[in-house]
C-alpha atoms as a PDB file:
ATOM      1  CA  MET A   1       0.000   0.000   0.000  1.00  0.00           C
ATOM      2  CA  ILE A   2       1.339   3.407  -1.006  1.00  0.00           C
ATOM      3  CA  ARG A   3       0.390   6.063   1.536  1.00  0.00           C
ATOM      4  CA  SER A   4       1.981   9.438   2.180  1.00  0.00           C
ATOM      5  CA  MET A   5       3.338  10.375   5.602  1.00  0.00           C
ATOM      6  CA  THR A   6       2.085  13.967   5.341  1.00  0.00           C
ATOM      7  CA  GLY A   7      -1.507  15.000   5.898  1.00  0.00           C
ATOM      8  CA  TYR A   8      -3.881  17.138   7.930  1.00  0.00           C
ATOM      9  CA  ALA A   9      -7.420  16.807   9.282  1.00  0.00           C
ATOM     10  CA  ASP A  10      -9.499  18.644  11.878  1.00  0.00           C
ATOM     11  CA  MET A  11     -13.066  18.251  13.142  1.00  0.00           C
ATOM     12  CA  ARG A  12     -15.269  19.917  15.746  1.00  0.00           C
ATOM     13  CA  PHE A  13     -17.732  17.950  17.859  1.00  0.00           C
ATOM     14  CA  VAL A  14     -20.446  19.314  20.122  1.00  0.00           C
ATOM     15  CA  HIS A  15     -22.017  17.174  22.857  1.00  0.00           C
ATOM     16  CA  LYS A  16     -24.412  17.840  25.654  1.00  0.00           C
ATOM     17  CA  GLU A  17     -21.788  18.614  28.286  1.00  0.00           C
ATOM     18  CA  PHE A  18     -18.741  19.734  26.283  1.00  0.00           C
ATOM     19  CA  SER A  19     -17.417  20.547  22.803  1.00  0.00           C
ATOM     20  CA  ALA A  20     -14.092  19.538  21.313  1.00  0.00           C
ATOM     21  CA  LYS A  21     -11.974  20.473  18.316  1.00  0.00           C
ATOM     22  CA  ILE A  22      -9.440  17.857  17.258  1.00  0.00           C
ATOM     23  CA  SER A  23      -6.628  18.618  14.805  1.00  0.00           C
ATOM     24  CA  ILE A  24      -4.133  16.032  13.547  1.00  0.00           C
ATOM     25  CA  ARG A  25      -1.118  16.849  11.383  1.00  0.00           C
ATOM     26  CA  THR A  26       1.434  14.300  10.196  1.00  0.00           C
ATOM     27  CA  LEU A  27       4.922  14.876   8.820  1.00  0.00           C
ATOM     28  CA  ASN A  28       7.846  12.765   7.616  1.00  0.00           C
ATOM     29  CA  HIS A  29       9.688  10.741  10.246  1.00  0.00           C
ATOM     30  CA  ARG A  30      11.618   7.476  10.268  1.00  0.00           C
ATOM     31  CA  PHE A  31       9.469   6.112  13.098  1.00  0.00           C
ATOM     32  CA  LEU A  32       6.088   6.836  14.720  1.00  0.00           C
ATOM     33  CA  ASP A  33       6.619   9.999  16.759  1.00  0.00           C
ATOM     34  CA  TRP A  34       3.614  11.085  18.884  1.00  0.00           C
ATOM     35  CA  ASN A  35       3.308  14.738  19.946  1.00  0.00           C
ATOM     36  CA  TYR A  36       0.269  16.085  21.819  1.00  0.00           C
ATOM     37  CA  ARG A  37      -0.623  19.692  22.637  1.00  0.00           C
ATOM     38  CA  GLY A  38      -3.780  21.208  24.073  1.00  0.00           C
ATOM     39  CA  ALA A  39      -6.191  20.493  26.899  1.00  0.00           C
ATOM     40  CA  PRO A  40      -4.793  18.136  29.580  1.00  0.00           C
ATOM     41  CA  LEU A  41      -6.209  14.670  28.991  1.00  0.00           C
ATOM     42  CA  GLY A  42      -4.508  12.585  31.660  1.00  0.00           C
ATOM     43  CA  ALA A  43      -4.798   8.858  30.982  1.00  0.00           C
ATOM     44  CA  VAL A  44      -6.992   9.555  27.936  1.00  0.00           C
ATOM     45  CA  GLU A  45      -3.952  10.746  25.984  1.00  0.00           C
ATOM     46  CA  GLU A  46      -2.330   7.324  26.205  1.00  0.00           C
ATOM     47  CA  LYS A  47      -5.531   5.715  24.908  1.00  0.00           C
ATOM     48  CA  LEU A  48      -5.595   8.089  21.945  1.00  0.00           C
ATOM     49  CA  ARG A  49      -1.929   7.362  21.284  1.00  0.00           C
ATOM     50  CA  ASN A  50      -2.672   3.620  21.204  1.00  0.00           C
ATOM     51  CA  LEU A  51      -5.527   4.217  18.758  1.00  0.00           C
ATOM     52  CA  CYS A  52      -3.107   6.138  16.541  1.00  0.00           C
ATOM     53  CA  GLN A  53      -0.538   3.329  16.629  1.00  0.00           C
ATOM     54  CA  GLN A  54      -3.168   0.886  15.386  1.00  0.00           C
ATOM     55  CA  LYS A  55      -3.800   3.006  12.283  1.00  0.00           C
ATOM     56  CA  LEU A  56      -0.451   4.575  11.400  1.00  0.00           C
ATOM     57  CA  TYR A  57       3.009   3.033  11.056  1.00  0.00           C
ATOM     58  CA  ARG A  58       5.405   5.937  10.514  1.00  0.00           C
ATOM     59  CA  GLY A  59       5.499   9.720  10.695  1.00  0.00           C
ATOM     60  CA  ARG A  60       5.517  12.553  13.197  1.00  0.00           C
ATOM     61  CA  ILE A  61       1.983  12.811  14.625  1.00  0.00           C
ATOM     62  CA  GLU A  62       1.016  16.257  15.944  1.00  0.00           C
ATOM     63  CA  VAL A  63      -2.318  16.258  17.781  1.00  0.00           C
ATOM     64  CA  LEU A  64      -4.027  19.388  19.111  1.00  0.00           C
ATOM     65  CA  MET A  65      -7.238  19.151  21.142  1.00  0.00           C
ATOM     66  CA  ASP A  66      -9.271  22.092  22.407  1.00  0.00           C
ATOM     67  CA  ILE A  67     -12.052  21.222  24.876  1.00  0.00           C
ATOM     68  CA  ASN A  68     -14.739  23.593  26.170  1.00  0.00           C
ATOM     69  CA  SER A  69     -16.916  22.479  29.074  1.00  0.00           C
ATOM     70  CA  PHE A  70     -20.562  23.502  29.475  1.00  0.00           C
ATOM     71  CA  GLY A  71     -22.092  24.173  32.891  1.00  0.00           C
ATOM     72  CA  ALA A  72     -20.672  24.634  36.373  1.00  0.00           C
ATOM     73  CA  GLU A  73     -21.119  20.947  37.168  1.00  0.00           C
ATOM     74  CA  ARG A  74     -18.258  20.153  34.755  1.00  0.00           C
ATOM     75  CA  CYS A  75     -15.778  22.411  36.573  1.00  0.00           C
ATOM     76  CA  GLU A  76     -14.241  22.728  40.024  1.00  0.00           C
ATOM     77  CA  ILE A  77     -12.518  25.661  41.738  1.00  0.00           C
ATOM     78  CA  ASN A  78      -9.297  25.119  43.698  1.00  0.00           C
ATOM     79  CA  ILE A  79      -8.054  27.889  46.013  1.00  0.00           C
ATOM     80  CA  ASN A  80      -4.498  27.938  47.299  1.00  0.00           C
ATOM     81  CA  GLN A  81      -5.466  28.997  50.819  1.00  0.00           C
ATOM     82  CA  ALA A  82      -1.919  29.403  52.137  1.00  0.00           C
ATOM     83  CA  LEU A  83      -0.933  31.662  49.248  1.00  0.00           C
ATOM     84  CA  LEU A  84      -4.186  33.630  49.558  1.00  0.00           C
ATOM     85  CA  ASP A  85      -3.629  34.194  53.318  1.00  0.00           C
ATOM     86  CA  THR A  86      -0.102  35.416  52.670  1.00  0.00           C
ATOM     87  CA  PHE A  87      -1.317  37.833  50.012  1.00  0.00           C
ATOM     88  CA  LEU A  88      -4.205  39.189  52.143  1.00  0.00           C
ATOM     89  CA  SER A  89      -1.885  39.704  55.086  1.00  0.00           C
ATOM     90  CA  ALA A  90       0.516  41.725  52.932  1.00  0.00           C
ATOM     91  CA  LEU A  91      -2.417  43.667  51.460  1.00  0.00           C
ATOM     92  CA  ASN A  92      -3.739  44.453  54.982  1.00  0.00           C
ATOM     93  CA  LYS A  93      -0.360  45.895  56.013  1.00  0.00           C
ATOM     94  CA  ALA A  94      -0.236  48.038  52.900  1.00  0.00           C
ATOM     95  CA  ALA A  95      -3.765  49.293  53.581  1.00  0.00           C
ATOM     96  CA  HIS A  96      -2.703  50.656  57.002  1.00  0.00           C
ATOM     97  CA  ALA A  97       0.111  52.601  55.365  1.00  0.00           C
ATOM     98  CA  GLN A  98      -1.998  53.919  52.486  1.00  0.00           C
ATOM     99  CA  LYS A  99      -5.719  54.078  53.216  1.00  0.00           C
ATOM    100  CA  ASN A 100      -6.729  54.637  49.583  1.00  0.00           C
ATOM    101  CA  ILE A 101      -5.768  51.109  48.422  1.00  0.00           C
ATOM    102  CA  THR A 102      -8.602  49.196  46.756  1.00  0.00           C
ATOM    103  CA  PHE A 103      -8.583  45.627  45.453  1.00  0.00           C
ATOM    104  CA  SER A 104     -11.368  43.876  43.521  1.00  0.00           C
ATOM    105  CA  ILE A 105     -12.304  40.219  43.311  1.00  0.00           C
ATOM    106  CA  ASP A 106     -11.384  40.284  39.592  1.00  0.00           C
ATOM    107  CA  SER A 107      -7.853  41.343  40.511  1.00  0.00           C
ATOM    108  CA  LEU A 108      -7.678  38.540  43.040  1.00  0.00           C
ATOM    109  CA  LEU A 109      -8.645  35.979  40.422  1.00  0.00           C
ATOM    110  CA  ASN A 110      -5.868  37.210  38.124  1.00  0.00           C
ATOM    111  CA  ILE A 111      -3.123  36.489  40.657  1.00  0.00           C
ATOM    112  CA  PRO A 112      -1.214  33.383  39.459  1.00  0.00           C
ATOM    113  CA  HIS A 113      -1.729  30.156  41.416  1.00  0.00           C
ATOM    114  CA  VAL A 114      -4.205  31.636  43.934  1.00  0.00           C
ATOM    115  CA  VAL A 115      -7.438  30.532  42.211  1.00  0.00           C
ATOM    116  CA  GLU A 116      -7.507  27.777  39.579  1.00  0.00           C
ATOM    117  CA  LEU A 117     -10.531  26.723  37.554  1.00  0.00           C
ATOM    118  CA  ARG A 118     -10.189  23.078  36.550  1.00  0.00           C
ATOM    119  CA  ARG A 119     -12.258  20.723  34.476  1.00  0.00           C
ATOM    120  CA  LYS A 120     -13.432  17.658  36.366  1.00  0.00           C
ATOM    121  CA  GLU A 121     -12.030  14.258  35.435  1.00  0.00           C
ATOM    122  CA  PHE A 122     -13.475  12.640  32.338  1.00  0.00           C
ATOM    123  CA  THR A 123     -16.164  10.065  32.864  1.00  0.00           C
ATOM    124  CA  LYS A 124     -16.051   6.749  31.034  1.00  0.00           C
ATOM    125  CA  LYS A 125     -18.685   8.076  28.639  1.00  0.00           C
ATOM    126  CA  ASP A 126     -16.565  11.193  28.003  1.00  0.00           C
ATOM    127  CA  GLU A 127     -13.562   9.024  27.165  1.00  0.00           C
ATOM    128  CA  GLU A 128     -15.618   6.946  24.738  1.00  0.00           C
ATOM    129  CA  LEU A 129     -16.878  10.089  23.002  1.00  0.00           C
ATOM    130  CA  LEU A 130     -13.370  11.523  22.694  1.00  0.00           C
ATOM    131  CA  GLY A 131     -12.041   8.211  21.398  1.00  0.00           C
ATOM    132  CA  THR A 132     -14.822   7.881  18.806  1.00  0.00           C
ATOM    133  CA  ASN A 133     -14.355  11.432  17.541  1.00  0.00           C
ATOM    134  CA  PHE A 134     -10.568  11.078  17.512  1.00  0.00           C
ATOM    135  CA  LEU A 135     -10.931   8.001  15.292  1.00  0.00           C
ATOM    136  CA  LYS A 136     -13.203   9.899  12.919  1.00  0.00           C
ATOM    137  CA  THR A 137     -10.589  12.645  12.606  1.00  0.00           C
ATOM    138  CA  LEU A 138      -7.845  10.059  12.185  1.00  0.00           C
ATOM    139  CA  ASP A 139      -9.784   8.269   9.434  1.00  0.00           C
ATOM    140  CA  SER A 140     -10.167  11.589   7.619  1.00  0.00           C
ATOM    141  CA  LEU A 141      -6.408  12.111   7.902  1.00  0.00           C
ATOM    142  CA  ILE A 142      -5.706   8.605   6.577  1.00  0.00           C
ATOM    143  CA  LYS A 143      -7.891   9.284   3.535  1.00  0.00           C
ATOM    144  CA  GLU A 144      -5.844  12.420   2.858  1.00  0.00           C
ATOM    145  CA  ARG A 145      -2.593  10.474   3.196  1.00  0.00           C
ATOM    146  CA  ALA A 146      -3.938   7.797   0.840  1.00  0.00           C
ATOM    147  CA  ARG A 147      -4.956  10.430  -1.726  1.00  0.00           C
ATOM    148  CA  GLU A 148      -1.491  11.973  -1.658  1.00  0.00           C
ATOM    149  CA  GLY A 149       0.010   8.488  -1.805  1.00  0.00           C
ATOM    150  CA  ARG A 150      -1.815   7.830  -5.076  1.00  0.00           C
ATOM    151  CA  GLU A 151      -0.259  10.968  -6.556  1.00  0.00           C
ATOM    152  CA  ILE A 152       3.220   9.880  -5.446  1.00  0.00           C
ATOM    153  CA  LYS A 153       2.572   6.436  -6.936  1.00  0.00           C
ATOM    154  CA  LYS A 154       1.763   7.969 -10.328  1.00  0.00           C
ATOM    155  CA  GLN A 155       5.009   9.934 -10.290  1.00  0.00           C
ATOM    156  CA  LEU A 156       7.053   6.891  -9.246  1.00  0.00           C
ATOM    157  CA  ARG A 157       5.517   4.854 -12.058  1.00  0.00           C
ATOM    158  CA  GLY A 158       6.664   7.493 -14.523  1.00  0.00           C
ATOM    159  CA  HIS A 159      10.186   7.540 -13.102  1.00  0.00           C
ATOM    160  CA  SER A 160      10.401   3.726 -13.139  1.00  0.00           C
ATOM    161  CA  GLN A 161       9.368   3.645 -16.811  1.00  0.00           C
ATOM    162  CA  ASN A 162      12.026   6.242 -17.631  1.00  0.00           C
ATOM    163  CA  ILE A 163      14.632   4.220 -15.749  1.00  0.00           C
ATOM    164  CA  VAL A 164      13.767   1.117 -17.793  1.00  0.00           C
ATOM    165  CA  LEU A 165      14.100   3.059 -21.052  1.00  0.00           C
ATOM    166  CA  LEU A 166      17.443   4.544 -20.037  1.00  0.00           C
ATOM    167  CA  VAL A 167      18.869   1.205 -18.872  1.00  0.00           C
ATOM    168  CA  ASN A 168      17.847  -0.401 -22.169  1.00  0.00           C
ATOM    169  CA  ARG A 169      19.568   2.385 -24.103  1.00  0.00           C
ATOM    170  CA  ILE A 170      22.697   2.030 -21.999  1.00  0.00           C
ATOM    171  CA  GLU A 171      22.697  -1.732 -22.534  1.00  0.00           C
ATOM    172  CA  LYS A 172      22.497  -1.250 -26.295  1.00  0.00           C
ATOM    173  CA  LEU A 173      25.238   1.386 -26.337  1.00  0.00           C
ATOM    174  CA  ALA A 174      27.434  -0.634 -23.965  1.00  0.00           C
ATOM    175  CA  LYS A 175      27.842  -3.358 -26.588  1.00  0.00           C
ATOM    176  CA  LYS A 176      30.041  -0.950 -28.565  1.00  0.00           C
ATOM    177  CA  GLN A 177      32.184  -0.012 -25.577  1.00  0.00           C
ATOM    178  CA  PRO A 178      34.825  -2.823 -25.956  1.00  0.00           C
ATOM    179  CA  LEU A 179      35.477  -1.737 -29.565  1.00  0.00           C
ATOM    180  CA  LEU A 180      35.706   1.882 -28.472  1.00  0.00           C
ATOM    181  CA  ILE A 181      38.195   0.973 -25.739  1.00  0.00           C
ATOM    182  CA  SER A 182      40.290  -0.974 -28.237  1.00  0.00           C
ATOM    183  CA  GLU A 183      40.388   1.960 -30.674  1.00  0.00           C
ATOM    184  CA  LYS A 184      41.360   4.404 -27.933  1.00  0.00           C
ATOM    185  CA  LEU A 185      44.104   2.072 -26.766  1.00  0.00           C
ATOM    186  CA  ARG A 186      45.417   1.667 -30.316  1.00  0.00           C
ATOM    187  CA  GLU A 187      45.583   5.457 -30.777  1.00  0.00           C
ATOM    188  CA  ARG A 188      47.346   5.883 -27.464  1.00  0.00           C
ATOM    189  CA  LEU A 189      49.956   3.237 -28.259  1.00  0.00           C
ATOM    190  CA  LYS A 190      50.584   4.867 -31.607  1.00  0.00           C
ATOM    191  CA  ASP A 191      51.286   8.175 -29.868  1.00  0.00           C
ATOM    192  CA  LEU A 192      53.660   6.490 -27.425  1.00  0.00           C
ATOM    193  CA  ASN A 193      55.417   4.405 -30.064  1.00  0.00           C
ATOM    194  CA  ARG A 194      55.699   6.697 -33.055  1.00  0.00           C
ATOM    195  CA  ASP A 195      58.972   5.195 -34.267  1.00  0.00           C
ATOM    196  CA  ASN A 196      58.509   1.679 -32.878  1.00  0.00           C
ATOM    197  CA  SER A 197      56.231  -1.114 -33.811  1.00  0.00           C
ATOM    198  CA  PHE A 198      53.955  -2.606 -31.149  1.00  0.00           C
ATOM    199  CA  SER A 199      52.629  -6.092 -30.684  1.00  0.00           C
ATOM    200  CA  GLU A 200      49.089  -6.791 -31.826  1.00  0.00           C
ATOM    201  CA  ASN A 201      48.924  -9.506 -29.193  1.00  0.00           C
ATOM    202  CA  LYS A 202      49.836  -7.000 -26.492  1.00  0.00           C
ATOM    203  CA  LEU A 203      47.200  -4.641 -27.811  1.00  0.00           C
ATOM    204  CA  ALA A 204      44.548  -7.367 -27.732  1.00  0.00           C
ATOM    205  CA  GLU A 205      45.566  -8.365 -24.216  1.00  0.00           C
ATOM    206  CA  GLU A 206      45.349  -4.805 -22.869  1.00  0.00           C
ATOM    207  CA  ALA A 207      42.063  -4.187 -24.670  1.00  0.00           C
ATOM    208  CA  SER A 208      40.577  -7.360 -23.174  1.00  0.00           C
ATOM    209  CA  PHE A 209      41.690  -6.344 -19.670  1.00  0.00           C
ATOM    210  CA  LEU A 210      40.165  -2.865 -19.969  1.00  0.00           C
ATOM    211  CA  ALA A 211      36.959  -4.233 -21.487  1.00  0.00           C
ATOM    212  CA  GLN A 212      36.499  -6.480 -18.436  1.00  0.00           C
ATOM    213  CA  ARG A 213      37.366  -3.678 -16.050  1.00  0.00           C
ATOM    214  CA  TYR A 214      34.778  -1.348 -17.548  1.00  0.00           C
ATOM    215  CA  ASP A 215      32.181  -4.005 -18.298  1.00  0.00           C
ATOM    216  CA  LEU A 216      28.663  -2.735 -17.459  1.00  0.00           C
ATOM    217  CA  THR A 217      26.819  -6.064 -17.601  1.00  0.00           C
ATOM    218  CA  GLU A 218      26.480  -6.643 -13.847  1.00  0.00           C
ATOM    219  CA  GLU A 219      25.326  -3.102 -13.077  1.00  0.00           C
ATOM    220  CA  ILE A 220      22.748  -3.226 -15.868  1.00  0.00           C
ATOM    221  CA  ALA A 221      21.422  -6.582 -14.635  1.00  0.00           C
ATOM    222  CA  ARG A 222      21.106  -5.300 -11.055  1.00  0.00           C
ATOM    223  CA  LEU A 223      19.386  -2.113 -12.202  1.00  0.00           C
ATOM    224  CA  LYS A 224      16.842  -4.161 -14.146  1.00  0.00           C
ATOM    225  CA  SER A 225      16.241  -6.339 -11.098  1.00  0.00           C
ATOM    226  CA  HIS A 226      15.855  -3.346  -8.758  1.00  0.00           C
ATOM    227  CA  VAL A 227      13.465  -1.461 -11.008  1.00  0.00           C
ATOM    228  CA  GLY A 228      11.424  -4.643 -11.437  1.00  0.00           C
ATOM    229  CA  TYR A 229      11.100  -4.925  -7.657  1.00  0.00           C
ATOM    230  CA  LEU A 230      10.231  -1.220  -7.502  1.00  0.00           C
ATOM    231  CA  LYS A 231       7.284  -1.812  -9.835  1.00  0.00           C
ATOM    232  CA  GLU A 232       6.232  -4.823  -7.778  1.00  0.00           C
ATOM    233  CA  LEU A 233       6.168  -2.778  -4.565  1.00  0.00           C
ATOM    234  CA  LEU A 234       4.216   0.024  -6.221  1.00  0.00           C
ATOM    235  CA  GLU A 235       1.490  -2.413  -7.267  1.00  0.00           C
ATOM    236  CA  SER A 236       1.419  -4.298  -3.964  1.00  0.00           C
ATOM    237  CA  LYS A 237      -2.093  -4.765  -2.541  1.00  0.00           C
ATOM    238  CA  THR A 238      -0.995  -5.816   0.954  1.00  0.00           C
ATOM    239  CA  PRO A 239      -1.990  -3.476   3.828  1.00  0.00           C
ATOM    240  CA  GLU A 240       1.566  -3.401   5.182  1.00  0.00           C
ATOM    241  CA  PRO A 241       3.501  -0.189   4.466  1.00  0.00           C
ATOM    242  CA  VAL A 242       6.313  -0.381   1.912  1.00  0.00           C
ATOM    243  CA  GLY A 243       8.029   2.964   2.561  1.00  0.00           C
ATOM    244  CA  LYS A 244      11.124   1.490   4.228  1.00  0.00           C
ATOM    245  CA  LYS A 245      11.552  -1.099   1.468  1.00  0.00           C
ATOM    246  CA  LEU A 246      11.229   1.587  -1.203  1.00  0.00           C
ATOM    247  CA  ASP A 247      13.730   3.789   0.604  1.00  0.00           C
ATOM    248  CA  PHE A 248      16.305   0.977   0.746  1.00  0.00           C
ATOM    249  CA  LEU A 249      15.643   0.068  -2.890  1.00  0.00           C
ATOM    250  CA  ALA A 250      16.136   3.686  -3.981  1.00  0.00           C
ATOM    251  CA  GLN A 251      19.535   3.717  -2.265  1.00  0.00           C
ATOM    252  CA  GLU A 252      20.532   0.575  -4.163  1.00  0.00           C
ATOM    253  CA  LEU A 253      19.369   2.060  -7.465  1.00  0.00           C
ATOM    254  CA  TYR A 254      21.434   5.172  -6.797  1.00  0.00           C
ATOM    255  CA  ARG A 255      24.527   3.134  -5.945  1.00  0.00           C
ATOM    256  CA  GLU A 256      24.295   1.090  -9.163  1.00  0.00           C
ATOM    257  CA  ALA A 257      23.649   4.221 -11.250  1.00  0.00           C
ATOM    258  CA  ASN A 258      26.775   5.852  -9.783  1.00  0.00           C
ATOM    259  CA  THR A 259      28.895   2.772 -10.476  1.00  0.00           C
ATOM    260  CA  LEU A 260      27.559   2.582 -14.026  1.00  0.00           C
ATOM    261  CA  ASN A 261      28.444   6.223 -14.632  1.00  0.00           C
ATOM    262  CA  SER A 262      31.972   5.814 -13.238  1.00  0.00           C
ATOM    263  CA  LYS A 263      32.687   2.832 -15.526  1.00  0.00           C
ATOM    264  CA  ALA A 264      31.245   4.347 -18.702  1.00  0.00           C
ATOM    265  CA  GLN A 265      33.844   5.195 -21.371  1.00  0.00           C
ATOM    266  CA  ASP A 266      31.560   6.297 -24.188  1.00  0.00           C
ATOM    267  CA  ILE A 267      30.242   9.878 -24.064  1.00  0.00           C
ATOM    268  CA  LYS A 268      26.847   8.618 -25.284  1.00  0.00           C
ATOM    269  CA  VAL A 269      26.678   6.150 -22.406  1.00  0.00           C
ATOM    270  CA  ILE A 270      27.757   8.845 -19.940  1.00  0.00           C
ATOM    271  CA  ARG A 271      24.933  11.128 -21.051  1.00  0.00           C
ATOM    272  CA  GLN A 272      22.391   8.350 -20.558  1.00  0.00           C
ATOM    273  CA  CYS A 273      23.898   7.588 -17.141  1.00  0.00           C
ATOM    274  CA  LEU A 274      23.499  11.210 -16.062  1.00  0.00           C
ATOM    275  CA  ALA A 275      19.852  11.124 -17.114  1.00  0.00           C
ATOM    276  CA  LEU A 276      19.481   7.844 -15.219  1.00  0.00           C
ATOM    277  CA  LYS A 277      20.956   9.379 -12.040  1.00  0.00           C
ATOM    278  CA  SER A 278      18.482  12.255 -12.299  1.00  0.00           C
ATOM    279  CA  GLU A 279      15.535   9.848 -12.464  1.00  0.00           C
ATOM    280  CA  VAL A 280      16.849   7.774  -9.564  1.00  0.00           C
ATOM    281  CA  GLU A 281      17.400  10.896  -7.459  1.00  0.00           C
ATOM    282  CA  SER A 282      13.751  11.853  -8.012  1.00  0.00           C
ATOM    283  CA  VAL A 283      12.754   8.396  -6.800  1.00  0.00           C
ATOM    284  CA  ARG A 284      14.939   8.786  -3.700  1.00  0.00           C
ATOM    285  CA  GLN A 285      13.288  12.069  -2.775  1.00  0.00           C
ATOM    286  CA  GLN A 286       9.733  10.865  -3.285  1.00  0.00           C
ATOM    287  CA  VAL A 287       9.974   7.547  -1.434  1.00  0.00           C
ATOM    288  CA  GLN A 288      11.084   9.405   1.698  1.00  0.00           C
ATOM    289  CA  ASN A 289       7.509  10.658   1.989  1.00  0.00           C
ATOM    290  CA  ILE A 290       5.931   7.191   1.838  1.00  0.00           C
ATOM    291  CA  GLU A 291       4.742   5.475   5.007  1.00  0.00           C
END
């Protein structure tokens, strides 16, 4: 299955006792990296994380949840009595020194850590509602990742077809490379031995050695095998992600393309190798975004 690692989805849900907005964004990452921001969820966060792990395999998961409670019965007020007593005592002393000091309840509520308004713990029903709505948002995200994955798949198909064409051209041109090497060697020996004759046997021996050294057969065979496996992975119908396999395969394609280019002796072959490296590099970049 080809699915992108990047995507975004958000949904708002309104219930009788509270409303919630859930946003999920995913980015590229080698592993599954969970990151939560927003309203404190306590043990519920771990449950949502487990739900996410059941649906996604790789990527940085950024979850933001905003929860608004309805009604006083959903909230509780905590007063730091010791801190409040200390503050009132200091305020009383200041009032004796300056009689015009006034202090409102609103100002008291704005003092950090004196009065805290907290949401009560989630009930089991609340947790079920949050879990259900989180899954709905996650499913929407997965659809977005699948849609983007289909676009990446189309591009990879095009690159794989281009790679096949280029490898076939290189294979055809490579058949002329031994003759080209022999001619270059003959010209070089002539330049070095202008006044002396040289052995045709020696020339044939050196030409054979160089032809084996710069033989492209193995690299071409491996490239054909790798691109065949690439096509197989792209058309795989299994639910398991193939991103890691594609990433490794792209590295192997790049290594063989580099070796092929370094061994090429014909300018026509070199030009095709450069085009091949460009196609493989595009594959390397795109597979890094696949789950």
